């Protein structure tokens, strides 16, 4: 992110074939590599699905890890949702 930034969520567009059961972990932190688990996403996913995560974090670094998937891992897009200014 370049500097500590307050965010209130993430939106991830899935690029996956074949569809199936997946487990993704979102990590964030002020140092690299990020180590704080912000969210864990488990479920059936397919190409074009949108995964949304809500929260209130101040991070400089983000990492998306795929722990389980029936296919190769890719994202069509990942959008960081910035928190409104105080």
C-alpha atoms as a PDB file:
ATOM      1  CA  UNK A   1       0.000   0.000   0.000  1.00  0.00           C
ATOM      2  CA  UNK A   2       3.059   2.284   0.300  1.00  0.00           C
ATOM      3  CA  UNK A   3       2.101   3.485   3.795  1.00  0.00           C
ATOM      4  CA  UNK A   4      -0.169   2.325   6.620  1.00  0.00           C
ATOM      5  CA  UNK A   5      -3.700   2.604   5.214  1.00  0.00           C
ATOM      6  CA  UNK A   6      -7.061   2.065   6.862  1.00  0.00           C
ATOM      7  CA  UNK A   7      -9.220  -0.323   4.852  1.00  0.00           C
ATOM      8  CA  UNK A   8     -12.691  -1.677   5.505  1.00  0.00           C
ATOM      9  CA  UNK A   9     -12.775  -4.603   3.128  1.00  0.00           C
ATOM     10  CA  UNK A  10     -11.646  -6.485   0.069  1.00  0.00           C
ATOM     11  CA  UNK A  11     -13.427  -7.709  -3.037  1.00  0.00           C
ATOM     12  CA  UNK A  12     -11.849 -10.610  -4.958  1.00  0.00           C
ATOM     13  CA  UNK A  13     -13.008 -11.851  -8.392  1.00  0.00           C
ATOM     14  CA  UNK A  14     -12.350 -15.591  -8.826  1.00  0.00           C
ATOM     15  CA  UNK A  15     -10.567 -17.003 -11.895  1.00  0.00           C
ATOM     16  CA  UNK A  16     -10.871 -20.763 -11.410  1.00  0.00           C
ATOM     17  CA  UNK A  17     -11.460 -23.804 -13.603  1.00  0.00           C
ATOM     18  CA  UNK A  18     -12.609 -26.358 -12.636  1.00  0.00           C
ATOM     19  CA  UNK A  19     -14.960 -25.059  -9.929  1.00  0.00           C
ATOM     20  CA  UNK A  20     -14.845 -26.633  -6.497  1.00  0.00           C
ATOM     21  CA  UNK A  21     -14.102 -26.312  -2.823  1.00  0.00           C
ATOM     22  CA  UNK A  22     -11.497 -23.672  -1.921  1.00  0.00           C
ATOM     23  CA  UNK A  23      -9.872 -22.234   1.179  1.00  0.00           C
ATOM     24  CA  UNK A  24      -8.265 -18.779   1.000  1.00  0.00           C
ATOM     25  CA  UNK A  25      -6.554 -16.849   3.793  1.00  0.00           C
ATOM     26  CA  UNK A  26      -6.142 -13.050   3.772  1.00  0.00           C
ATOM     27  CA  UNK A  27      -3.130 -11.750   5.696  1.00  0.00           C
ATOM     28  CA  UNK A  28      -2.305  -8.143   6.494  1.00  0.00           C
ATOM     29  CA  UNK A  29       0.141  -6.131   8.535  1.00  0.00           C
ATOM     30  CA  UNK A  30       2.363  -3.128   8.872  1.00  0.00           C
ATOM     31  CA  UNK A  31       5.541  -5.108   8.085  1.00  0.00           C
ATOM     32  CA  UNK A  32       6.495  -7.494   5.294  1.00  0.00           C
ATOM     33  CA  UNK A  33       5.654 -10.298   5.121  1.00  0.00           C
ATOM     34  CA  UNK A  34       2.205  -9.711   6.661  1.00  0.00           C
ATOM     35  CA  UNK A  35       1.340 -12.228   9.390  1.00  0.00           C
ATOM     36  CA  UNK A  36      -2.018 -11.180  10.864  1.00  0.00           C
ATOM     37  CA  UNK A  37      -4.914 -13.320   9.618  1.00  0.00           C
ATOM     38  CA  UNK A  38      -7.624 -10.848   8.569  1.00  0.00           C
ATOM     39  CA  UNK A  39     -10.058 -13.409   7.145  1.00  0.00           C
ATOM     40  CA  UNK A  40     -10.453 -17.006   6.035  1.00  0.00           C
ATOM     41  CA  UNK A  41     -12.768 -17.879   3.154  1.00  0.00           C
ATOM     42  CA  UNK A  42     -14.011 -21.448   2.656  1.00  0.00           C
ATOM     43  CA  UNK A  43     -16.590 -22.628   0.172  1.00  0.00           C
ATOM     44  CA  UNK A  44     -17.484 -23.685  -3.327  1.00  0.00           C
ATOM     45  CA  UNK A  45     -16.155 -21.231  -5.895  1.00  0.00           C
ATOM     46  CA  UNK A  46     -16.229 -20.931  -9.671  1.00  0.00           C
ATOM     47  CA  UNK A  47     -15.021 -18.566 -12.373  1.00  0.00           C
ATOM     48  CA  UNK A  48     -16.534 -15.091 -11.998  1.00  0.00           C
ATOM     49  CA  UNK A  49     -17.603 -15.448  -8.353  1.00  0.00           C
ATOM     50  CA  UNK A  50     -16.961 -12.430  -6.159  1.00  0.00           C
ATOM     51  CA  UNK A  51     -15.660 -13.004  -2.647  1.00  0.00           C
ATOM     52  CA  UNK A  52     -16.153 -10.125  -0.207  1.00  0.00           C
ATOM     53  CA  UNK A  53     -14.455  -9.527   3.120  1.00  0.00           C
ATOM     54  CA  UNK A  54     -15.477  -6.763   5.525  1.00  0.00           C
ATOM     55  CA  UNK A  55     -13.417  -5.474   8.416  1.00  0.00           C
ATOM     56  CA  UNK A  56     -11.618  -2.482   9.839  1.00  0.00           C
ATOM     57  CA  UNK A  57      -7.853  -2.797   9.552  1.00  0.00           C
ATOM     58  CA  UNK A  58      -4.833  -0.569   9.211  1.00  0.00           C
ATOM     59  CA  UNK A  59      -2.301  -2.319   6.988  1.00  0.00           C
ATOM     60  CA  UNK A  60       0.587  -1.563   4.704  1.00  0.00           C
ATOM     61  CA  UNK A  61       0.931  -5.047   3.229  1.00  0.00           C
ATOM     62  CA  UNK A  62      -1.701  -7.563   2.107  1.00  0.00           C
ATOM     63  CA  UNK A  63      -1.342 -11.162   1.008  1.00  0.00           C
ATOM     64  CA  UNK A  64      -3.888 -13.627  -0.372  1.00  0.00           C
ATOM     65  CA  UNK A  65      -2.942 -17.261   0.184  1.00  0.00           C
ATOM     66  CA  UNK A  66      -4.837 -20.153  -1.360  1.00  0.00           C
ATOM     67  CA  UNK A  67      -4.547 -23.117   0.982  1.00  0.00           C
ATOM     68  CA  UNK A  68      -6.820 -25.539  -0.915  1.00  0.00           C
ATOM     69  CA  UNK A  69      -8.147 -25.527  -4.473  1.00  0.00           C
ATOM     70  CA  UNK A  70      -9.042 -28.117  -7.133  1.00  0.00           C
ATOM     71  CA  UNK A  71      -7.297 -26.014  -9.786  1.00  0.00           C
ATOM     72  CA  UNK A  72      -4.577 -23.476 -10.445  1.00  0.00           C
ATOM     73  CA  UNK A  73      -4.928 -20.192  -8.582  1.00  0.00           C
ATOM     74  CA  UNK A  74      -5.582 -16.802 -10.159  1.00  0.00           C
ATOM     75  CA  UNK A  75      -7.702 -13.703  -9.600  1.00  0.00           C
ATOM     76  CA  UNK A  76      -9.470 -11.646 -12.252  1.00  0.00           C
ATOM     77  CA  UNK A  77      -9.208  -8.640  -9.937  1.00  0.00           C
ATOM     78  CA  UNK A  78      -8.669  -7.731  -6.295  1.00  0.00           C
ATOM     79  CA  UNK A  79     -10.088  -4.457  -5.019  1.00  0.00           C
ATOM     80  CA  UNK A  80      -9.054  -2.913  -1.695  1.00  0.00           C
ATOM     81  CA  UNK A  81     -11.920  -0.951  -0.148  1.00  0.00           C
ATOM     82  CA  UNK A  82     -10.562   2.120   1.593  1.00  0.00           C
ATOM     83  CA  UNK A  83     -12.188   3.262   4.826  1.00  0.00           C
ATOM     84  CA  UNK A  84     -13.755   6.726   4.758  1.00  0.00           C
ATOM     85  CA  UNK A  85     -11.547   9.477   6.210  1.00  0.00           C
ATOM     86  CA  UNK A  86     -12.125  10.291   9.872  1.00  0.00           C
END
